[in-house]
Amino acid sequence: MDKSKNEKVNVGIILAGGKSSRFGESKTFFRDKASGKTWVELTVDKLTPFCEMIFISANSTNYMELTKLFQTSSTIRIIPDIPAYSDYGPLGGIYAVTLAANQYTHANFLILPTDMPFLTTKEIAHLEANPNSYAQTNQANHYLVANIPYSLPALTEILHNKEHRVIKLLQKLHSRPLFFENEHPFRNINFPDDLN
């Protein structure tokens, strides 16, 4: 039996609901010079080989534009923030997607942010092969690059306790750090100068 492929169905979650205030423009729709594609499109392209369905977590500002951008795709769904949790950051986005993905209760959820343009399918493949883990490098834990099980009960409890941090969800799920030697793919781009 081929163990190189994860036996469970994989579902993607792309976190595109951030405000990008430090960047000066939307990171979600920032265009990569080489490909001409937006960062959210590049993230979709990287996740697609691994996932049956991709959910994009959106905010009230970019929901319509994201819907328009991916309107022809049957394997991408745009999920807006739930108003009560719109100020909970990535955790609120993961919660909204988890509610919408209730037909995938037995899937693994591969989570990626839109502002790590240097991530490649090599890192995603390693993550996909290691369920219930999050990326770790010598310099940092990257909690928003994760592979977790369906986690609605845990999310509901955490949000009920007014907890905003993704690490609380990972702790509750007993997720393990997955070490990556190379730091470069995990560079989080917060300012345009970070691209240089």
C-alpha atoms as a PDB file:
ATOM      1  CA  MET A   1       0.000   0.000   0.000  1.00  0.00           C
ATOM      2  CA  ASP A   2       1.298   3.438  -0.906  1.00  0.00           C
ATOM      3  CA  LYS A   3       1.887   5.286   2.346  1.00  0.00           C
ATOM      4  CA  SER A   4       3.239   8.388   0.621  1.00  0.00           C
ATOM      5  CA  LYS A   5      -0.325   9.651   0.253  1.00  0.00           C
ATOM      6  CA  ASN A   6      -2.206  10.610   3.354  1.00  0.00           C
ATOM      7  CA  GLU A   7      -5.087   8.150   3.723  1.00  0.00           C
ATOM      8  CA  LYS A   8      -7.526  10.817   4.855  1.00  0.00           C
ATOM      9  CA  VAL A   9      -9.116  13.413   2.618  1.00  0.00           C
ATOM     10  CA  ASN A  10      -7.365  16.771   2.855  1.00  0.00           C
ATOM     11  CA  VAL A  11      -9.163  20.092   2.948  1.00  0.00           C
ATOM     12  CA  GLY A  12      -7.349  23.404   2.593  1.00  0.00           C
ATOM     13  CA  ILE A  13      -7.893  26.540   4.661  1.00  0.00           C
ATOM     14  CA  ILE A  14      -6.305  29.725   3.336  1.00  0.00           C
ATOM     15  CA  LEU A  15      -6.262  32.567   5.838  1.00  0.00           C
ATOM     16  CA  ALA A  16      -7.003  35.720   3.848  1.00  0.00           C
ATOM     17  CA  GLY A  17      -8.902  37.762   6.418  1.00  0.00           C
ATOM     18  CA  GLY A  18      -6.065  39.870   7.780  1.00  0.00           C
ATOM     19  CA  LYS A  19      -6.108  43.671   7.633  1.00  0.00           C
ATOM     20  CA  SER A  20      -2.628  44.075   6.012  1.00  0.00           C
ATOM     21  CA  SER A  21      -2.336  47.455   7.741  1.00  0.00           C
ATOM     22  CA  ARG A  22       1.468  47.377   8.010  1.00  0.00           C
ATOM     23  CA  PHE A  23       1.846  46.275   4.387  1.00  0.00           C
ATOM     24  CA  GLY A  24      -0.017  49.316   3.062  1.00  0.00           C
ATOM     25  CA  GLU A  25      -2.243  47.319   0.683  1.00  0.00           C
ATOM     26  CA  SER A  26      -4.074  44.012   0.670  1.00  0.00           C
ATOM     27  CA  LYS A  27      -1.596  41.142   0.878  1.00  0.00           C
ATOM     28  CA  THR A  28      -4.310  38.822  -0.391  1.00  0.00           C
ATOM     29  CA  PHE A  29      -4.479  40.631  -3.732  1.00  0.00           C
ATOM     30  CA  PHE A  30      -0.835  41.669  -3.966  1.00  0.00           C
ATOM     31  CA  ARG A  31       0.492  40.610  -7.380  1.00  0.00           C
ATOM     32  CA  ASP A  32       3.600  38.506  -7.707  1.00  0.00           C
ATOM     33  CA  LYS A  33       5.821  40.130 -10.325  1.00  0.00           C
ATOM     34  CA  ALA A  34       7.053  36.876 -11.854  1.00  0.00           C
ATOM     35  CA  SER A  35       3.687  35.174 -12.368  1.00  0.00           C
ATOM     36  CA  GLY A  36       1.299  38.131 -12.412  1.00  0.00           C
ATOM     37  CA  LYS A  37      -0.932  36.212  -9.987  1.00  0.00           C
ATOM     38  CA  THR A  38      -2.197  37.458  -6.647  1.00  0.00           C
ATOM     39  CA  TRP A  39      -0.786  35.922  -3.493  1.00  0.00           C
ATOM     40  CA  VAL A  40      -4.101  34.231  -2.754  1.00  0.00           C
ATOM     41  CA  GLU A  41      -4.096  32.641  -6.234  1.00  0.00           C
ATOM     42  CA  LEU A  42      -0.524  31.415  -5.711  1.00  0.00           C
ATOM     43  CA  THR A  43      -1.495  29.915  -2.350  1.00  0.00           C
ATOM     44  CA  VAL A  44      -4.457  28.152  -3.991  1.00  0.00           C
ATOM     45  CA  ASP A  45      -2.149  26.797  -6.727  1.00  0.00           C
ATOM     46  CA  LYS A  46       0.242  25.376  -4.123  1.00  0.00           C
ATOM     47  CA  LEU A  47      -2.510  23.747  -2.031  1.00  0.00           C
ATOM     48  CA  THR A  48      -4.602  22.357  -4.902  1.00  0.00           C
ATOM     49  CA  PRO A  49      -2.502  19.199  -5.553  1.00  0.00           C
ATOM     50  CA  PHE A  50      -3.074  18.119  -1.946  1.00  0.00           C
ATOM     51  CA  CYS A  51      -6.717  19.041  -1.322  1.00  0.00           C
ATOM     52  CA  GLU A  52     -10.145  17.889  -2.369  1.00  0.00           C
ATOM     53  CA  MET A  53     -11.636  21.266  -1.425  1.00  0.00           C
ATOM     54  CA  ILE A  54     -10.148  24.629  -0.472  1.00  0.00           C
ATOM     55  CA  PHE A  55     -11.886  27.107   1.811  1.00  0.00           C
ATOM     56  CA  ILE A  56     -10.678  30.703   1.854  1.00  0.00           C
ATOM     57  CA  SER A  57     -11.309  32.604   5.069  1.00  0.00           C
ATOM     58  CA  ALA A  58     -12.341  36.145   4.112  1.00  0.00           C
ATOM     59  CA  ASN A  59     -13.265  39.342   5.907  1.00  0.00           C
ATOM     60  CA  SER A  60     -16.158  41.687   5.149  1.00  0.00           C
ATOM     61  CA  THR A  61     -13.878  43.909   3.035  1.00  0.00           C
ATOM     62  CA  ASN A  62     -12.485  41.284   0.646  1.00  0.00           C
ATOM     63  CA  TYR A  63     -15.295  38.708   0.572  1.00  0.00           C
ATOM     64  CA  MET A  64     -16.919  39.972  -2.650  1.00  0.00           C
ATOM     65  CA  GLU A  65     -13.614  40.360  -4.514  1.00  0.00           C
ATOM     66  CA  LEU A  66     -12.493  36.868  -3.509  1.00  0.00           C
ATOM     67  CA  THR A  67     -15.854  35.432  -4.551  1.00  0.00           C
ATOM     68  CA  LYS A  68     -15.476  37.080  -7.955  1.00  0.00           C
ATOM     69  CA  LEU A  69     -11.878  35.925  -8.354  1.00  0.00           C
ATOM     70  CA  PHE A  70     -12.738  32.246  -7.806  1.00  0.00           C
ATOM     71  CA  GLN A  71     -16.330  32.165  -9.097  1.00  0.00           C
ATOM     72  CA  THR A  72     -15.575  29.591 -11.817  1.00  0.00           C
ATOM     73  CA  SER A  73     -13.968  27.061  -9.459  1.00  0.00           C
ATOM     74  CA  SER A  74     -16.106  24.279  -7.984  1.00  0.00           C
ATOM     75  CA  THR A  75     -13.403  23.272  -5.497  1.00  0.00           C
ATOM     76  CA  ILE A  76     -12.943  26.672  -3.823  1.00  0.00           C
ATOM     77  CA  ARG A  77     -15.373  28.239  -1.369  1.00  0.00           C
ATOM     78  CA  ILE A  78     -15.056  31.689   0.153  1.00  0.00           C
ATOM     79  CA  ILE A  79     -16.167  31.811   3.788  1.00  0.00           C
ATOM     80  CA  PRO A  80     -16.777  35.204   5.427  1.00  0.00           C
ATOM     81  CA  ASP A  81     -15.996  35.896   9.062  1.00  0.00           C
ATOM     82  CA  ILE A  82     -18.823  35.305  11.499  1.00  0.00           C
ATOM     83  CA  PRO A  83     -19.611  38.805  12.858  1.00  0.00           C
ATOM     84  CA  ALA A  84     -19.439  37.754  16.521  1.00  0.00           C
ATOM     85  CA  TYR A  85     -15.878  36.500  15.975  1.00  0.00           C
ATOM     86  CA  SER A  86     -14.611  38.906  13.318  1.00  0.00           C
ATOM     87  CA  ASP A  87     -12.065  40.395  15.745  1.00  0.00           C
ATOM     88  CA  TYR A  88     -10.653  36.990  16.719  1.00  0.00           C
ATOM     89  CA  GLY A  89      -8.101  36.979  13.883  1.00  0.00           C
ATOM     90  CA  PRO A  90      -7.089  33.655  12.297  1.00  0.00           C
ATOM     91  CA  LEU A  91      -8.884  31.665  15.013  1.00  0.00           C
ATOM     92  CA  GLY A  92     -12.200  33.269  14.043  1.00  0.00           C
ATOM     93  CA  GLY A  93     -11.517  32.474  10.389  1.00  0.00           C
ATOM     94  CA  ILE A  94     -10.694  28.846  11.137  1.00  0.00           C
ATOM     95  CA  TYR A  95     -13.919  28.619  13.165  1.00  0.00           C
ATOM     96  CA  ALA A  96     -16.039  30.034  10.312  1.00  0.00           C
ATOM     97  CA  VAL A  97     -14.505  27.584   7.835  1.00  0.00           C
ATOM     98  CA  THR A  98     -14.915  24.646  10.216  1.00  0.00           C
ATOM     99  CA  LEU A  99     -18.620  25.422  10.581  1.00  0.00           C
ATOM    100  CA  ALA A 100     -18.984  25.579   6.790  1.00  0.00           C
ATOM    101  CA  ALA A 101     -16.970  22.382   6.250  1.00  0.00           C
ATOM    102  CA  ASN A 102     -19.239  20.131   8.288  1.00  0.00           C
ATOM    103  CA  GLN A 103     -19.246  17.459   5.565  1.00  0.00           C
ATOM    104  CA  TYR A 104     -15.502  17.022   6.197  1.00  0.00           C
ATOM    105  CA  THR A 105     -15.548  15.912   9.831  1.00  0.00           C
ATOM    106  CA  HIS A 106     -13.086  13.092   9.035  1.00  0.00           C
ATOM    107  CA  ALA A 107     -10.688  15.192   6.953  1.00  0.00           C
ATOM    108  CA  ASN A 108      -7.304  16.696   7.683  1.00  0.00           C
ATOM    109  CA  PHE A 109      -7.239  20.480   7.373  1.00  0.00           C
ATOM    110  CA  LEU A 110      -4.126  22.012   5.822  1.00  0.00           C
ATOM    111  CA  ILE A 111      -3.892  25.637   6.961  1.00  0.00           C
ATOM    112  CA  LEU A 112      -1.793  28.284   5.218  1.00  0.00           C
ATOM    113  CA  PRO A 113      -1.690  32.092   5.407  1.00  0.00           C
ATOM    114  CA  THR A 114      -1.593  34.182   2.217  1.00  0.00           C
ATOM    115  CA  ASP A 115       1.465  36.160   3.277  1.00  0.00           C
ATOM    116  CA  MET A 116       4.108  33.425   3.018  1.00  0.00           C
ATOM    117  CA  PRO A 117       4.819  33.673  -0.725  1.00  0.00           C
ATOM    118  CA  PHE A 118       8.056  31.662  -0.463  1.00  0.00           C
ATOM    119  CA  LEU A 119       6.336  28.474   0.722  1.00  0.00           C
ATOM    120  CA  THR A 120       6.526  25.717  -1.893  1.00  0.00           C
ATOM    121  CA  THR A 121       4.779  22.413  -2.527  1.00  0.00           C
ATOM    122  CA  LYS A 122       7.825  20.725  -0.944  1.00  0.00           C
ATOM    123  CA  GLU A 123       6.979  22.158   2.496  1.00  0.00           C
ATOM    124  CA  ILE A 124       3.260  21.535   1.986  1.00  0.00           C
ATOM    125  CA  ALA A 125       3.910  17.884   1.052  1.00  0.00           C
ATOM    126  CA  HIS A 126       5.892  17.385   4.268  1.00  0.00           C
ATOM    127  CA  LEU A 127       3.084  19.006   6.267  1.00  0.00           C
ATOM    128  CA  GLU A 128       0.443  16.911   4.493  1.00  0.00           C
ATOM    129  CA  ALA A 129       2.293  13.716   5.376  1.00  0.00           C
ATOM    130  CA  ASN A 130       2.259  14.608   9.087  1.00  0.00           C
ATOM    131  CA  PRO A 131      -1.283  15.014  10.440  1.00  0.00           C
ATOM    132  CA  ASN A 132      -1.915  17.031  13.598  1.00  0.00           C
ATOM    133  CA  SER A 133       1.246  19.098  13.337  1.00  0.00           C
ATOM    134  CA  TYR A 134       2.390  22.690  12.824  1.00  0.00           C
ATOM    135  CA  ALA A 135       5.560  24.054  11.249  1.00  0.00           C
ATOM    136  CA  GLN A 136       8.581  24.832  13.364  1.00  0.00           C
ATOM    137  CA  THR A 137      11.973  26.230  12.339  1.00  0.00           C
ATOM    138  CA  ASN A 138      15.048  27.184  14.331  1.00  0.00           C
ATOM    139  CA  GLN A 139      13.771  30.747  14.558  1.00  0.00           C
ATOM    140  CA  ALA A 140      10.065  30.324  15.275  1.00  0.00           C
ATOM    141  CA  ASN A 141       6.940  28.234  15.639  1.00  0.00           C
ATOM    142  CA  HIS A 142       4.668  28.886  12.657  1.00  0.00           C
ATOM    143  CA  TYR A 143       1.249  28.157  14.103  1.00  0.00           C
ATOM    144  CA  LEU A 144      -0.605  29.264  10.952  1.00  0.00           C
ATOM    145  CA  VAL A 145       1.104  26.574   8.853  1.00  0.00           C
ATOM    146  CA  ALA A 146      -0.609  23.505  10.218  1.00  0.00           C
ATOM    147  CA  ASN A 147      -2.300  20.206   9.480  1.00  0.00           C
ATOM    148  CA  ILE A 148      -5.086  19.597  11.994  1.00  0.00           C
ATOM    149  CA  PRO A 149      -8.149  17.375  12.302  1.00  0.00           C
ATOM    150  CA  TYR A 150     -11.711  18.706  12.160  1.00  0.00           C
ATOM    151  CA  SER A 151     -11.980  20.581  15.446  1.00  0.00           C
ATOM    152  CA  LEU A 152     -15.376  22.243  15.912  1.00  0.00           C
ATOM    153  CA  PRO A 153     -15.848  21.179  19.580  1.00  0.00           C
ATOM    154  CA  ALA A 154     -12.390  22.460  20.547  1.00  0.00           C
ATOM    155  CA  LEU A 155     -12.860  25.720  18.626  1.00  0.00           C
ATOM    156  CA  THR A 156     -16.279  26.314  20.158  1.00  0.00           C
ATOM    157  CA  GLU A 157     -14.904  25.888  23.665  1.00  0.00           C
ATOM    158  CA  ILE A 158     -11.883  28.121  23.034  1.00  0.00           C
ATOM    159  CA  LEU A 159     -13.947  30.932  21.526  1.00  0.00           C
ATOM    160  CA  HIS A 160     -16.507  30.608  24.307  1.00  0.00           C
ATOM    161  CA  ASN A 161     -13.618  31.316  26.696  1.00  0.00           C
ATOM    162  CA  LYS A 162     -12.791  34.460  24.652  1.00  0.00           C
ATOM    163  CA  GLU A 163      -9.393  33.056  23.679  1.00  0.00           C
ATOM    164  CA  HIS A 164      -7.898  34.612  20.521  1.00  0.00           C
ATOM    165  CA  ARG A 165      -4.699  32.625  19.982  1.00  0.00           C
ATOM    166  CA  VAL A 166      -4.308  29.763  17.508  1.00  0.00           C
ATOM    167  CA  ILE A 167      -1.744  28.129  19.810  1.00  0.00           C
ATOM    168  CA  LYS A 168      -4.594  27.393  22.245  1.00  0.00           C
ATOM    169  CA  LEU A 169      -6.330  25.329  19.558  1.00  0.00           C
ATOM    170  CA  LEU A 170      -3.125  23.465  18.702  1.00  0.00           C
ATOM    171  CA  GLN A 171      -2.510  22.711  22.387  1.00  0.00           C
ATOM    172  CA  LYS A 172      -6.054  21.430  22.824  1.00  0.00           C
ATOM    173  CA  LEU A 173      -5.636  19.144  19.794  1.00  0.00           C
ATOM    174  CA  HIS A 174      -2.221  17.945  21.058  1.00  0.00           C
ATOM    175  CA  SER A 175      -0.665  19.042  17.758  1.00  0.00           C
ATOM    176  CA  ARG A 176       3.063  18.398  17.461  1.00  0.00           C
ATOM    177  CA  PRO A 177       5.763  20.666  16.055  1.00  0.00           C
ATOM    178  CA  LEU A 178       7.038  19.539  12.646  1.00  0.00           C
ATOM    179  CA  PHE A 179      10.595  20.711  12.119  1.00  0.00           C
ATOM    180  CA  PHE A 180      11.755  22.348   8.881  1.00  0.00           C
ATOM    181  CA  GLU A 181      15.462  23.029   8.385  1.00  0.00           C
ATOM    182  CA  ASN A 182      15.054  25.924   5.955  1.00  0.00           C
ATOM    183  CA  GLU A 183      13.722  29.179   7.409  1.00  0.00           C
ATOM    184  CA  HIS A 184      13.302  31.041   4.115  1.00  0.00           C
ATOM    185  CA  PRO A 185       9.971  29.524   2.941  1.00  0.00           C
ATOM    186  CA  PHE A 186       8.336  30.607   6.209  1.00  0.00           C
ATOM    187  CA  ARG A 187       9.207  34.273   5.929  1.00  0.00           C
ATOM    188  CA  ASN A 188       6.094  36.203   6.868  1.00  0.00           C
ATOM    189  CA  ILE A 189       5.802  39.331   4.725  1.00  0.00           C
ATOM    190  CA  ASN A 190       4.489  42.294   6.730  1.00  0.00           C
ATOM    191  CA  PHE A 191       6.142  45.162   4.871  1.00  0.00           C
ATOM    192  CA  PRO A 192       6.870  45.611   1.141  1.00  0.00           C
ATOM    193  CA  ASP A 193      10.589  45.870   1.974  1.00  0.00           C
ATOM    194  CA  ASP A 194      10.468  42.316   3.362  1.00  0.00           C
ATOM    195  CA  LEU A 195      10.317  41.112  -0.240  1.00  0.00           C
ATOM    196  CA  ASN A 196      13.848  42.395  -0.971  1.00  0.00           C
END
